[in-house]
Amino acid sequence: MLPTRRKRQRICDEMGFSLHFMDKAAAGLRKYPDRYPNAVIRSGHVTVFDVEMFLDWLKYREALEVGAPVPDFKREAYQ
């Protein structure tokens, strides 16, 4: 399955998140490169997110922060 990618602004528009929160999400996704490889692609003023990885991070971010066990990332669960 191919990842679904969206520009940061489009995710904000579609889901109601602020740009500030999306910056926090980008930092959060980068903290776990083994779980979320290439989740955020940034080039100049353009930032693109892998939507499935973003949703997985959103769901498990608190557990990841404290080191609690979380299920493996499964892209098909979010498509």
C-alpha atoms as a PDB file:
ATOM      1  CA  MET A   1       0.000   0.000   0.000  1.00  0.00           C
ATOM      2  CA  LEU A   2       1.196   3.461  -0.797  1.00  0.00           C
ATOM      3  CA  PRO A   3       1.338   6.029   1.981  1.00  0.00           C
ATOM      4  CA  THR A   4      -1.098   8.898   1.934  1.00  0.00           C
ATOM      5  CA  ARG A   5       0.799  12.164   2.030  1.00  0.00           C
ATOM      6  CA  ARG A   6      -0.632  15.627   2.684  1.00  0.00           C
ATOM      7  CA  LYS A   7       0.803  19.094   3.052  1.00  0.00           C
ATOM      8  CA  ARG A   8       0.801  20.417   6.591  1.00  0.00           C
ATOM      9  CA  GLN A   9      -1.719  23.159   5.780  1.00  0.00           C
ATOM     10  CA  ARG A  10      -4.137  20.708   4.177  1.00  0.00           C
ATOM     11  CA  ILE A  11      -4.122  18.528   7.311  1.00  0.00           C
ATOM     12  CA  CYS A  12      -4.832  21.656   9.360  1.00  0.00           C
ATOM     13  CA  ASP A  13      -7.725  22.573   7.085  1.00  0.00           C
ATOM     14  CA  GLU A  14      -9.189  19.054   6.948  1.00  0.00           C
ATOM     15  CA  MET A  15      -8.761  18.071  10.595  1.00  0.00           C
ATOM     16  CA  GLY A  16      -8.818  21.390  12.408  1.00  0.00           C
ATOM     17  CA  PHE A  17      -5.290  21.289  13.852  1.00  0.00           C
ATOM     18  CA  SER A  18      -3.220  24.443  14.266  1.00  0.00           C
ATOM     19  CA  LEU A  19       0.096  24.983  12.498  1.00  0.00           C
ATOM     20  CA  HIS A  20       1.736  25.079  15.934  1.00  0.00           C
ATOM     21  CA  PHE A  21       0.366  21.613  16.741  1.00  0.00           C
ATOM     22  CA  MET A  22       1.572  20.290  13.387  1.00  0.00           C
ATOM     23  CA  ASP A  23       5.074  21.543  14.217  1.00  0.00           C
ATOM     24  CA  LYS A  24       4.863  19.615  17.495  1.00  0.00           C
ATOM     25  CA  ALA A  25       3.650  16.562  15.586  1.00  0.00           C
ATOM     26  CA  ALA A  26       6.593  16.792  13.180  1.00  0.00           C
ATOM     27  CA  ALA A  27       9.000  16.882  16.118  1.00  0.00           C
ATOM     28  CA  GLY A  28       7.163  13.991  17.768  1.00  0.00           C
ATOM     29  CA  LEU A  29       7.299  11.852  14.638  1.00  0.00           C
ATOM     30  CA  ARG A  30      11.021  12.546  14.214  1.00  0.00           C
ATOM     31  CA  LYS A  31      11.674  11.257  17.749  1.00  0.00           C
ATOM     32  CA  TYR A  32      10.800   7.732  16.571  1.00  0.00           C
ATOM     33  CA  PRO A  33      12.603   7.215  13.232  1.00  0.00           C
ATOM     34  CA  ASP A  34      12.457   3.424  13.506  1.00  0.00           C
ATOM     35  CA  ARG A  35       8.672   3.444  13.887  1.00  0.00           C
ATOM     36  CA  TYR A  36       7.959   6.390  11.563  1.00  0.00           C
ATOM     37  CA  PRO A  37      10.620   6.508   8.824  1.00  0.00           C
ATOM     38  CA  ASN A  38      10.116   9.389   6.397  1.00  0.00           C
ATOM     39  CA  ALA A  39       6.915  10.441   8.164  1.00  0.00           C
ATOM     40  CA  VAL A  40       7.750  14.105   7.645  1.00  0.00           C
ATOM     41  CA  ILE A  41       9.378  15.478   4.532  1.00  0.00           C
ATOM     42  CA  ARG A  42      10.438  19.102   4.676  1.00  0.00           C
ATOM     43  CA  SER A  43      11.942  21.078   1.822  1.00  0.00           C
ATOM     44  CA  GLY A  44      12.138  24.822   2.073  1.00  0.00           C
ATOM     45  CA  HIS A  45       8.709  26.128   3.043  1.00  0.00           C
ATOM     46  CA  VAL A  46       6.893  22.875   2.214  1.00  0.00           C
ATOM     47  CA  THR A  47       6.213  20.209   4.837  1.00  0.00           C
ATOM     48  CA  VAL A  48       4.521  16.958   3.858  1.00  0.00           C
ATOM     49  CA  PHE A  49       3.223  14.380   6.349  1.00  0.00           C
ATOM     50  CA  ASP A  50       2.507  10.692   5.979  1.00  0.00           C
ATOM     51  CA  VAL A  51      -1.103  10.789   7.196  1.00  0.00           C
ATOM     52  CA  GLU A  52      -1.263   7.196   8.455  1.00  0.00           C
ATOM     53  CA  MET A  53       1.902   7.638  10.508  1.00  0.00           C
ATOM     54  CA  PHE A  54       0.606  10.951  11.839  1.00  0.00           C
ATOM     55  CA  LEU A  55      -2.654   9.322  12.972  1.00  0.00           C
ATOM     56  CA  ASP A  56      -0.751   6.450  14.594  1.00  0.00           C
ATOM     57  CA  TRP A  57       1.491   8.916  16.436  1.00  0.00           C
ATOM     58  CA  LEU A  58      -1.565  10.877  17.538  1.00  0.00           C
ATOM     59  CA  LYS A  59      -3.128   7.712  18.939  1.00  0.00           C
ATOM     60  CA  TYR A  60      -0.028   6.389  20.717  1.00  0.00           C
ATOM     61  CA  ARG A  61       2.042   9.493  21.483  1.00  0.00           C
ATOM     62  CA  GLU A  62       1.465   9.407  25.251  1.00  0.00           C
ATOM     63  CA  ALA A  63       2.352   5.715  25.445  1.00  0.00           C
ATOM     64  CA  LEU A  64       5.453   6.275  23.303  1.00  0.00           C
ATOM     65  CA  GLU A  65       6.587   9.129  25.557  1.00  0.00           C
ATOM     66  CA  VAL A  66       6.522   6.976  28.696  1.00  0.00           C
ATOM     67  CA  GLY A  67       7.952   3.907  26.971  1.00  0.00           C
ATOM     68  CA  ALA A  68       4.805   1.802  27.310  1.00  0.00           C
ATOM     69  CA  PRO A  69       4.417  -1.052  24.847  1.00  0.00           C
ATOM     70  CA  VAL A  70       2.393  -0.205  21.751  1.00  0.00           C
ATOM     71  CA  PRO A  71       1.324  -2.425  18.845  1.00  0.00           C
ATOM     72  CA  ASP A  72       3.408  -2.336  15.684  1.00  0.00           C
ATOM     73  CA  PHE A  73       2.487   0.325  13.155  1.00  0.00           C
ATOM     74  CA  LYS A  74       0.054  -1.100  10.601  1.00  0.00           C
ATOM     75  CA  ARG A  75      -0.705   1.266   7.732  1.00  0.00           C
ATOM     76  CA  GLU A  76      -3.807  -0.657   6.671  1.00  0.00           C
ATOM     77  CA  ALA A  77      -5.475   0.122  10.013  1.00  0.00           C
ATOM     78  CA  TYR A  78      -5.653   3.800   9.007  1.00  0.00           C
ATOM     79  CA  GLN A  79      -6.555   3.500   5.328  1.00  0.00           C
END
